[in-house]
Amino acid sequence: MRATATSPTAPGSGTSSARPGRPPHRWQRRSASAVLVLALAGCARPEPAPTRPDLAAPPGAPALRVGTSFDYPPFSTLDQPAGGGEATPTGFSIDLAHRLAAALGRPLELVDFEWPELGRDIAAGRFDVAISGVTWRPERAAVGRMSRALAAGGPCTVARSELTSEQIASARVAVNRGGILERWARSHWPDPQLVITGNNLRLPELLATGEVDLFVTDRFEVAHFAAPADLVRCEPPADRKVIWIAPTAESSESAALGDAIDRWLEGHEDFIAALRLEHFGDPMPRDPADHLVDLLARRLAFMPLVALDKRSRGLEIEDAAQEERVLASALEAATGAGLSHDAASRATVERFFRMQIELAKQIQERTLEASETAASGDPESAGDESLRLEQIRPALLVLGDQLIAALASTSTAELEALRGDADRMAPLREWLAQEDVDRLLQACAEVVEAGGARRTA
């Protein structure tokens, strides 16, 4: 959606009609240990070295083709030796790709991609998976599969000095082309103020030379891009990084690969936490409750797209027949997972899913109200994203099954530990007021308690 020149919203200070407001985040100076990465800025991208021989797969196994960008520290970059020579792929995503390929018994093939082309590359099957700090988005999730979250972050702005809200609104802003951060920047500043670069590594240079007043990055990248004296302002960590599994001619193949990847990620959280510590400086531990919050937020994130497609077809938000079909499918899955084993537990599961349906309809209503208001002020602001219900509903069915499985593997103690932790609940706060977040998590706890979780705290 294009921002209007008359009413830009300062990051961290504004609200959206479709998303409840969140508290602003203050400017913070980077610590002296922050690293400014400029070595590759403006340079031609060197060719990566061959993949690691210590994780060799059995002969004859098909390669796991992993798309990666090589321009996104600390996820995926190329380490160019000072004296020249072959560059070495490095980063969280590179290490993860090596271990995942080895676990799947397949040799690793790294395939370079450009962010503006990522969606087309995935749809065309140019690689099997993308592992490069890819952010979960509903329009992406409708193409192929997306794994459970690897980590959570959010947009940050970096400036040379503290800026007032008015200065932020009129700032010249640099952002990398083609990713989630460009979309976020366009939602906060009008096009004439944006400097869109195709070289992510040039962002610090654009700020240092005064070509822009600030640049947009994220919580993962900011330690690599912000100089010690720079001022950083970050949004809550609501953006989840995932592995994007490409669709295949036989949908069962991508589903099987996605399931295998999720099982491996779930069983190797300690290893992944160690990778986070190495590359992010923080283990950012994730447990089943974080996974459950992520899935709940993913379902809600589809609702604006549901609303817009219903409006385009002249359909009402209320669809009682579809709601009953969703509920029946959820109850069947809950029975299979052991969460609905008697009348009382069945009623608890039904209340939980009816609450989700009601919250989803509220988001749809807010979306239509917001889009009508925006369109009345700017005829070109109706947005350029769309999905059809035929694309959305299969993804929602998968999410429903995943939610049931997550409830069955989460303990009440893990859910209780979420309370009061704003960062861990940030994905839900993107869509719900805190009181609704609390109600939804309480409903989750009731399902877990009534059905008996398969895990113990």
Protein backbone atom coordinates (compact mmCIF):
# COMPACT_ATOMS: atom_id res chain seq x y z
CA MET A 1 0.00 0.00 0.00
CA ARG A 2 1.39 3.40 -0.95
CA ALA A 3 1.89 5.87 1.87
CA THR A 4 0.50 9.36 1.34
CA ALA A 5 2.79 12.37 1.42
CA THR A 6 0.55 14.20 3.85
CA SER A 7 0.47 11.67 6.66
CA PRO A 8 3.57 9.52 7.04
CA THR A 9 3.70 7.53 10.26
CA ALA A 10 6.85 7.55 12.34
CA PRO A 11 8.06 4.00 13.01
CA GLY A 12 7.06 2.81 16.44
CA SER A 13 4.68 5.71 17.00
CA GLY A 14 1.73 5.06 14.73
CA THR A 15 -1.17 2.66 14.59
CA SER A 16 -3.09 0.92 11.85
CA SER A 17 -6.81 0.46 11.67
CA ALA A 18 -6.27 -3.24 11.02
CA ARG A 19 -3.67 -3.71 13.74
CA PRO A 20 -3.96 -2.51 17.34
CA GLY A 21 -1.36 0.08 18.31
CA ARG A 22 1.87 -0.84 20.03
CA PRO A 23 4.06 1.24 22.34
CA PRO A 24 6.77 3.30 20.64
CA HIS A 25 10.37 2.16 20.84
CA ARG A 26 13.01 4.67 21.84
CA TRP A 27 16.23 5.51 20.06
CA GLN A 28 19.19 3.58 21.45
CA ARG A 29 22.88 3.96 20.74
CA ARG A 30 24.74 0.91 19.57
CA SER A 31 27.35 -0.45 21.95
CA ALA A 32 31.00 0.01 21.12
CA SER A 33 31.14 -3.65 20.11
CA ALA A 34 28.77 -3.12 17.18
CA VAL A 35 30.43 -3.93 13.87
CA LEU A 36 30.09 -1.85 10.73
CA VAL A 37 30.23 -4.10 7.70
CA LEU A 38 31.28 -2.23 4.57
CA ALA A 39 33.87 -4.54 3.08
CA LEU A 40 31.60 -5.78 0.33
CA ALA A 41 29.57 -2.60 -0.18
CA GLY A 42 29.56 -1.49 -3.78
CA CYS A 43 31.72 -4.43 -4.85
CA ALA A 44 30.91 -7.14 -7.34
CA ARG A 45 29.70 -10.29 -5.64
CA PRO A 46 32.47 -12.93 -5.66
CA GLU A 47 31.78 -16.54 -6.47
CA PRO A 48 31.28 -18.75 -3.40
CA ALA A 49 33.63 -21.56 -2.54
CA PRO A 50 32.46 -25.17 -2.82
CA THR A 51 30.34 -26.54 0.01
CA ARG A 52 31.91 -28.20 3.03
CA PRO A 53 33.34 -31.70 2.47
CA ASP A 54 32.95 -32.69 6.14
CA LEU A 55 29.18 -33.04 5.70
CA ALA A 56 29.26 -35.10 2.52
CA ALA A 57 26.08 -36.98 1.55
CA PRO A 58 25.95 -40.54 0.22
CA PRO A 59 26.90 -40.87 -3.47
CA GLY A 60 23.96 -40.60 -5.83
CA ALA A 61 21.66 -38.71 -3.47
CA PRO A 62 19.89 -35.77 -5.15
CA ALA A 63 21.25 -32.38 -4.13
CA LEU A 64 19.27 -30.18 -1.76
CA ARG A 65 19.21 -26.93 -3.73
CA VAL A 66 19.16 -24.09 -1.22
CA GLY A 67 18.44 -20.56 -2.39
CA THR A 68 20.36 -17.92 -0.45
CA SER A 69 21.11 -14.24 -1.05
CA PHE A 70 24.73 -13.83 0.15
CA ASP A 71 23.90 -10.21 1.09
CA TYR A 72 22.14 -10.45 4.45
CA PRO A 73 24.38 -10.56 7.52
CA PRO A 74 24.29 -12.43 9.82
CA PHE A 75 22.22 -14.92 7.79
CA SER A 76 24.02 -15.22 4.46
CA THR A 77 27.13 -13.42 3.23
CA LEU A 78 30.37 -14.14 1.40
CA ASP A 79 33.62 -13.92 3.33
CA GLN A 80 36.21 -12.59 0.90
CA PRO A 81 39.83 -13.27 2.00
CA ALA A 82 41.87 -10.08 2.44
CA GLY A 83 44.43 -11.23 -0.10
CA GLY A 84 41.83 -12.21 -2.68
CA GLY A 85 40.90 -15.70 -3.73
CA GLU A 86 37.78 -17.77 -3.33
CA ALA A 87 34.98 -16.35 -1.18
CA THR A 88 33.45 -18.55 1.50
CA PRO A 89 29.70 -18.56 2.18
CA THR A 90 29.08 -17.82 5.84
CA GLY A 91 26.27 -17.05 8.25
CA PHE A 92 23.46 -18.60 10.27
CA SER A 93 21.56 -19.75 7.17
CA ILE A 94 24.66 -21.27 5.58
CA ASP A 95 25.52 -23.30 8.69
CA LEU A 96 21.90 -24.38 9.04
CA ALA A 97 21.72 -25.41 5.38
CA HIS A 98 24.82 -27.60 5.74
CA ARG A 99 23.43 -29.42 8.78
CA LEU A 100 19.95 -29.79 7.33
CA ALA A 101 21.22 -31.23 4.04
CA ALA A 102 23.40 -33.69 5.96
CA ALA A 103 20.44 -34.72 8.12
CA LEU A 104 18.36 -35.34 4.99
CA GLY A 105 21.20 -37.36 3.45
CA ARG A 106 21.58 -35.03 0.47
CA PRO A 107 24.54 -33.02 -0.85
CA LEU A 108 24.14 -29.26 -0.55
CA GLU A 109 23.96 -26.95 -3.55
CA LEU A 110 23.81 -23.22 -2.78
CA VAL A 111 21.92 -21.17 -5.37
CA ASP A 112 22.23 -17.38 -5.42
CA PHE A 113 19.01 -15.34 -5.60
CA GLU A 114 18.06 -11.66 -5.71
CA TRP A 115 15.35 -10.58 -3.25
CA PRO A 116 12.98 -9.07 -5.85
CA GLU A 117 13.04 -12.40 -7.70
CA LEU A 118 12.63 -14.71 -4.70
CA GLY A 119 8.91 -15.35 -5.11
CA ARG A 120 9.24 -16.10 -8.81
CA ASP A 121 12.29 -18.32 -8.21
CA ILE A 122 10.42 -20.35 -5.58
CA ALA A 123 7.33 -20.73 -7.77
CA ALA A 124 9.49 -21.81 -10.72
CA GLY A 125 11.33 -24.42 -8.65
CA ARG A 126 14.75 -22.85 -9.20
CA PHE A 127 15.70 -24.33 -5.83
CA ASP A 128 14.10 -26.71 -3.34
CA VAL A 129 14.13 -24.38 -0.34
CA ALA A 130 15.14 -20.81 0.47
CA ILE A 131 17.23 -20.37 3.63
CA SER A 132 18.40 -16.78 3.90
CA GLY A 133 16.56 -15.01 6.70
CA VAL A 134 13.26 -15.28 4.80
CA THR A 135 10.34 -13.70 6.67
CA TRP A 136 7.01 -15.49 6.92
CA ARG A 137 4.24 -13.68 5.04
CA PRO A 138 0.77 -14.98 4.12
CA GLU A 139 1.19 -14.32 0.39
CA ARG A 140 4.43 -16.32 0.51
CA ALA A 141 2.92 -19.10 2.61
CA ALA A 142 0.27 -19.69 -0.05
CA VAL A 143 3.05 -20.81 -2.43
CA GLY A 144 4.68 -24.04 -1.29
CA ARG A 145 5.26 -24.45 2.44
CA MET A 146 6.97 -22.47 5.19
CA SER A 147 8.73 -24.10 8.11
CA ARG A 148 8.33 -23.46 11.81
CA ALA A 149 10.05 -20.26 12.88
CA LEU A 150 13.82 -20.18 13.28
CA ALA A 151 13.93 -16.82 15.07
CA ALA A 152 11.89 -13.63 15.46
CA GLY A 153 12.92 -10.05 14.76
CA GLY A 154 11.50 -6.81 13.46
CA PRO A 155 12.33 -3.67 11.46
CA CYS A 156 14.86 -1.17 12.82
CA THR A 157 15.85 2.29 11.68
CA VAL A 158 19.42 3.56 12.00
CA ALA A 159 20.27 7.28 12.07
CA ARG A 160 23.37 9.38 12.76
CA SER A 161 21.61 11.36 15.48
CA GLU A 162 18.32 11.38 17.33
CA LEU A 163 15.45 12.55 15.16
CA THR A 164 12.13 14.04 16.20
CA SER A 165 8.87 12.57 14.94
CA GLU A 166 8.64 15.42 12.43
CA GLN A 167 12.18 14.77 11.19
CA ILE A 168 11.48 11.06 10.85
CA ALA A 169 8.35 11.82 8.83
CA SER A 170 10.29 13.98 6.35
CA ALA A 171 13.50 11.91 6.32
CA ARG A 172 15.28 10.52 3.29
CA VAL A 173 15.23 6.77 3.90
CA ALA A 174 17.31 3.98 2.37
CA VAL A 175 16.11 0.38 2.23
CA ASN A 176 17.04 -2.77 0.36
CA ARG A 177 14.95 -3.62 -2.69
CA GLY A 178 12.48 -6.46 -2.88
CA GLY A 179 12.10 -7.72 0.68
CA ILE A 180 9.77 -7.33 3.62
CA LEU A 181 11.68 -4.27 4.81
CA GLU A 182 10.97 -2.39 1.58
CA ARG A 183 7.27 -3.05 2.10
CA TRP A 184 7.53 -1.82 5.68
CA ALA A 185 9.36 1.33 4.56
CA ARG A 186 6.74 2.06 1.90
CA SER A 187 4.02 1.82 4.55
CA HIS A 188 5.75 4.55 6.60
CA TRP A 189 7.18 6.99 4.02
CA PRO A 190 6.01 8.26 0.62
CA ASP A 191 7.90 7.11 -2.46
CA PRO A 192 9.79 10.39 -3.12
CA GLN A 193 11.60 10.07 0.24
CA LEU A 194 12.77 6.50 -0.33
CA VAL A 195 16.15 5.49 -1.71
CA ILE A 196 15.74 1.90 -2.85
CA THR A 197 19.05 0.10 -3.30
CA GLY A 198 19.74 -3.22 -4.94
CA ASN A 199 22.85 -3.67 -2.78
CA ASN A 200 21.86 -4.30 0.82
CA LEU A 201 25.47 -3.91 1.96
CA ARG A 202 25.51 -0.26 0.81
CA LEU A 203 23.01 0.89 3.43
CA PRO A 204 25.61 2.04 6.01
CA GLU A 205 27.56 3.86 3.29
CA LEU A 206 24.46 5.80 2.20
CA LEU A 207 24.00 7.01 5.78
CA ALA A 208 27.69 7.75 6.36
CA THR A 209 27.93 9.91 3.22
CA GLY A 210 24.78 11.86 4.08
CA GLU A 211 22.81 10.66 1.08
CA VAL A 212 20.03 9.60 3.46
CA ASP A 213 18.95 10.56 6.98
CA LEU A 214 18.35 6.99 8.10
CA PHE A 215 18.15 3.48 6.74
CA VAL A 216 15.89 0.52 7.42
CA THR A 217 17.32 -2.79 8.56
CA ASP A 218 16.23 -5.35 11.16
CA ARG A 219 17.17 -6.66 14.60
CA PHE A 220 19.44 -9.33 13.18
CA GLU A 221 21.34 -7.14 10.76
CA VAL A 222 21.58 -3.99 12.84
CA ALA A 223 24.62 -5.08 14.86
CA HIS A 224 26.52 -5.56 11.61
CA PHE A 225 25.39 -2.31 9.99
CA ALA A 226 25.15 0.29 12.78
CA ALA A 227 28.28 2.19 13.83
CA PRO A 228 28.88 2.62 17.60
CA ALA A 229 27.66 6.23 17.55
CA ASP A 230 24.54 5.54 15.48
CA LEU A 231 21.09 5.67 17.00
CA VAL A 232 18.86 2.63 16.52
CA ARG A 233 15.12 2.32 16.88
CA CYS A 234 13.46 -1.10 16.60
CA GLU A 235 9.93 -2.40 16.32
CA PRO A 236 8.77 -5.42 18.40
CA PRO A 237 10.07 -8.82 17.20
CA ALA A 238 6.97 -9.88 15.29
CA ASP A 239 8.64 -11.02 12.04
CA ARG A 240 9.46 -14.72 12.03
CA LYS A 241 12.32 -16.11 9.96
CA VAL A 242 11.56 -19.41 8.24
CA ILE A 243 12.64 -21.87 5.59
CA TRP A 244 10.55 -21.53 2.43
CA ILE A 245 9.87 -24.88 0.73
CA ALA A 246 9.17 -24.61 -3.00
CA PRO A 247 6.00 -26.15 -4.46
CA THR A 248 6.40 -29.26 -6.60
CA ALA A 249 4.35 -30.84 -9.37
CA GLU A 250 3.19 -33.37 -6.79
CA SER A 251 2.09 -31.37 -3.76
CA SER A 252 2.77 -34.38 -1.55
CA GLU A 253 6.50 -34.03 -2.30
CA SER A 254 6.79 -30.48 -0.97
CA ALA A 255 4.55 -31.42 1.97
CA ALA A 256 6.81 -34.37 2.79
CA LEU A 257 9.93 -32.21 2.59
CA GLY A 258 8.27 -29.54 4.73
CA ASP A 259 7.25 -32.11 7.34
CA ALA A 260 10.76 -33.59 7.41
CA ILE A 261 12.31 -30.14 7.86
CA ASP A 262 9.89 -29.24 10.67
CA ARG A 263 10.58 -32.51 12.49
CA TRP A 264 14.32 -31.89 12.25
CA LEU A 265 14.01 -28.29 13.45
CA GLU A 266 11.81 -29.33 16.37
CA GLY A 267 14.25 -32.04 17.43
CA HIS A 268 17.36 -29.85 17.13
CA GLU A 269 16.39 -26.69 18.99
CA ASP A 270 19.55 -26.90 21.14
CA PHE A 271 21.74 -26.91 18.03
CA ILE A 272 19.78 -24.03 16.47
CA ALA A 273 19.99 -22.03 19.72
CA ALA A 274 23.77 -22.49 19.61
CA LEU A 275 23.77 -21.19 16.02
CA ARG A 276 21.73 -18.17 17.12
CA LEU A 277 24.20 -17.46 19.90
CA GLU A 278 27.11 -17.71 17.47
CA HIS A 279 25.61 -15.53 14.75
CA PHE A 280 23.11 -13.28 16.57
CA GLY A 281 24.84 -13.01 19.95
CA ASP A 282 21.71 -14.38 21.66
CA PRO A 283 20.41 -17.97 21.77
CA MET A 284 16.82 -16.67 21.49
CA PRO A 285 15.47 -19.97 22.86
CA ARG A 286 12.17 -21.14 21.42
CA ASP A 287 9.84 -23.71 22.96
CA PRO A 288 6.49 -25.23 21.93
CA ALA A 289 4.60 -22.20 23.27
CA ASP A 290 6.51 -19.90 20.90
CA HIS A 291 5.61 -22.20 18.04
CA LEU A 292 1.96 -22.11 19.08
CA VAL A 293 1.95 -18.29 19.21
CA ASP A 294 3.54 -18.21 15.76
CA LEU A 295 0.85 -20.48 14.29
CA LEU A 296 -1.98 -18.47 15.86
CA ALA A 297 -0.50 -15.28 14.41
CA ARG A 298 -0.05 -16.87 10.97
CA ARG A 299 -3.74 -17.72 10.83
CA LEU A 300 -4.75 -14.18 11.80
CA ALA A 301 -2.35 -12.70 9.23
CA PHE A 302 -4.37 -14.25 6.41
CA MET A 303 -7.54 -12.44 7.47
CA PRO A 304 -6.94 -9.09 5.71
CA LEU A 305 -6.44 -11.00 2.46
CA VAL A 306 -9.58 -13.05 3.14
CA ALA A 307 -11.54 -9.84 3.68
CA LEU A 308 -10.30 -8.19 0.49
CA ASP A 309 -11.09 -11.21 -1.66
CA LYS A 310 -14.55 -11.53 -0.14
CA ARG A 311 -15.20 -7.88 -0.94
CA SER A 312 -13.99 -8.31 -4.52
CA ARG A 313 -16.53 -11.13 -4.96
CA GLY A 314 -19.36 -9.34 -3.19
CA LEU A 315 -19.33 -11.86 -0.32
CA GLU A 316 -20.22 -11.16 3.29
CA ILE A 317 -17.64 -11.60 6.04
CA GLU A 318 -20.01 -13.93 7.85
CA ASP A 319 -20.00 -17.38 6.24
CA ALA A 320 -21.74 -19.76 8.63
CA ALA A 321 -21.40 -22.82 6.40
CA GLN A 322 -17.64 -22.36 5.98
CA GLU A 323 -17.24 -21.75 9.71
CA GLU A 324 -18.97 -25.04 10.50
CA ARG A 325 -16.75 -26.88 8.02
CA VAL A 326 -13.64 -25.39 9.65
CA LEU A 327 -14.93 -26.31 13.09
CA ALA A 328 -15.76 -29.89 12.08
CA SER A 329 -12.28 -30.36 10.60
CA ALA A 330 -10.66 -28.94 13.74
CA LEU A 331 -12.68 -31.19 16.06
CA GLU A 332 -11.78 -34.25 14.01
CA ALA A 333 -8.08 -33.36 14.17
CA ALA A 334 -8.33 -32.66 17.91
CA THR A 335 -9.86 -36.08 18.50
CA GLY A 336 -7.02 -37.71 16.59
CA ALA A 337 -4.48 -35.79 18.67
CA GLY A 338 -6.07 -36.82 21.97
CA LEU A 339 -7.24 -33.32 22.85
CA SER A 340 -10.93 -34.12 22.47
CA HIS A 341 -11.67 -37.38 24.24
CA ASP A 342 -14.96 -36.63 26.01
CA ALA A 343 -17.82 -34.12 25.95
CA ALA A 344 -16.04 -31.63 28.22
CA SER A 345 -12.77 -31.56 26.27
CA ARG A 346 -14.69 -31.41 22.98
CA ALA A 347 -16.59 -28.36 24.22
CA THR A 348 -13.30 -26.72 25.25
CA VAL A 349 -11.78 -27.30 21.80
CA GLU A 350 -14.93 -25.95 20.16
CA ARG A 351 -14.82 -22.77 22.28
CA PHE A 352 -11.18 -22.25 21.34
CA PHE A 353 -11.81 -22.48 17.60
CA ARG A 354 -14.98 -20.38 17.78
CA MET A 355 -12.94 -17.69 19.53
CA GLN A 356 -10.39 -17.81 16.70
CA ILE A 357 -13.19 -17.46 14.16
CA GLU A 358 -14.64 -14.43 15.96
CA LEU A 359 -11.25 -12.73 16.26
CA ALA A 360 -10.59 -13.45 12.59
CA LYS A 361 -13.87 -11.79 11.58
CA GLN A 362 -13.00 -8.73 13.67
CA ILE A 363 -9.72 -8.37 11.76
CA GLN A 364 -11.58 -8.75 8.46
CA GLU A 365 -14.00 -6.00 9.47
CA ARG A 366 -11.18 -3.66 10.52
CA THR A 367 -9.39 -4.35 7.24
CA LEU A 368 -12.38 -3.32 5.15
CA GLU A 369 -12.95 -0.21 7.25
CA ALA A 370 -9.29 0.78 6.91
CA SER A 371 -9.18 0.13 3.16
CA GLU A 372 -12.30 2.24 2.59
CA THR A 373 -10.80 5.10 4.59
CA ALA A 374 -7.50 4.88 2.72
CA ALA A 375 -9.17 4.66 -0.68
CA SER A 376 -11.26 7.75 0.05
CA GLY A 377 -8.07 9.75 0.62
CA ASP A 378 -5.91 8.19 -2.07
CA PRO A 379 -7.43 6.24 -4.98
CA GLU A 380 -4.11 4.42 -5.51
CA SER A 381 -3.80 3.23 -1.91
CA ALA A 382 -5.96 0.13 -2.12
CA GLY A 383 -2.88 -2.10 -2.10
CA ASP A 384 -1.15 -4.37 -4.58
CA GLU A 385 -1.34 -7.68 -2.72
CA SER A 386 -4.09 -10.20 -3.25
CA LEU A 387 -4.82 -13.86 -2.76
CA ARG A 388 -7.92 -15.76 -3.74
CA LEU A 389 -9.91 -17.77 -1.22
CA GLU A 390 -9.00 -20.87 -3.24
CA GLN A 391 -5.34 -20.18 -2.37
CA ILE A 392 -5.95 -19.15 1.22
CA ARG A 393 -8.22 -21.92 2.47
CA PRO A 394 -5.81 -24.82 1.82
CA ALA A 395 -3.13 -22.92 3.74
CA LEU A 396 -5.57 -22.34 6.60
CA LEU A 397 -6.42 -26.04 6.73
CA VAL A 398 -2.72 -26.89 7.06
CA LEU A 399 -2.40 -24.28 9.81
CA GLY A 400 -5.41 -25.77 11.60
CA ASP A 401 -3.78 -29.21 11.70
CA GLN A 402 -0.49 -27.68 12.82
CA LEU A 403 -2.28 -25.77 15.60
CA ILE A 404 -3.80 -28.98 16.93
CA ALA A 405 -0.41 -30.70 16.90
CA ALA A 406 1.16 -27.69 18.65
CA LEU A 407 -1.51 -27.69 21.36
CA ALA A 408 -0.89 -31.39 21.92
CA SER A 409 2.84 -30.78 22.45
CA THR A 410 2.63 -27.65 24.64
CA SER A 411 2.35 -27.71 28.42
CA THR A 412 0.32 -25.36 30.59
CA ALA A 413 3.57 -24.30 32.30
CA GLU A 414 5.04 -23.23 28.95
CA LEU A 415 1.91 -21.22 28.18
CA GLU A 416 1.98 -19.62 31.62
CA ALA A 417 5.59 -18.53 31.03
CA LEU A 418 4.42 -16.44 28.06
CA ARG A 419 2.38 -14.10 30.23
CA GLY A 420 3.96 -10.70 30.63
CA ASP A 421 6.64 -11.37 27.99
CA ALA A 422 5.87 -8.72 25.37
CA ASP A 423 8.54 -9.86 22.92
CA ARG A 424 7.31 -13.45 22.83
CA MET A 425 3.72 -12.31 22.30
CA ALA A 426 4.66 -9.70 19.67
CA PRO A 427 3.43 -11.80 16.70
CA LEU A 428 -0.09 -11.81 18.18
CA ARG A 429 0.08 -8.14 19.18
CA GLU A 430 0.45 -7.35 15.49
CA TRP A 431 -3.23 -8.27 15.17
CA LEU A 432 -4.90 -8.29 18.57
CA ALA A 433 -5.30 -6.01 21.56
CA GLN A 434 -3.58 -7.34 24.67
CA GLU A 435 -6.86 -8.36 26.28
CA ASP A 436 -7.67 -10.53 23.26
CA VAL A 437 -4.18 -12.03 23.33
CA ASP A 438 -4.74 -12.93 26.98
CA ARG A 439 -8.14 -14.48 26.21
CA LEU A 440 -6.74 -16.51 23.34
CA LEU A 441 -3.81 -17.84 25.37
CA GLN A 442 -6.17 -18.70 28.23
CA ALA A 443 -8.32 -20.66 25.77
CA CYS A 444 -5.18 -22.50 24.63
CA ALA A 445 -4.34 -23.37 28.23
CA GLU A 446 -7.86 -24.70 28.78
CA VAL A 447 -7.58 -26.96 25.72
CA VAL A 448 -4.21 -28.27 26.88
CA GLU A 449 -5.43 -28.85 30.42
CA ALA A 450 -8.73 -30.46 29.41
CA GLY A 451 -7.20 -32.71 26.79
CA GLY A 452 -3.98 -33.50 28.57
CA ALA A 453 -0.80 -32.31 26.84
CA ARG A 454 1.48 -34.98 25.44
CA ARG A 455 4.43 -33.23 26.93
CA THR A 456 5.11 -32.36 30.53
CA ALA A 457 6.72 -29.15 31.63
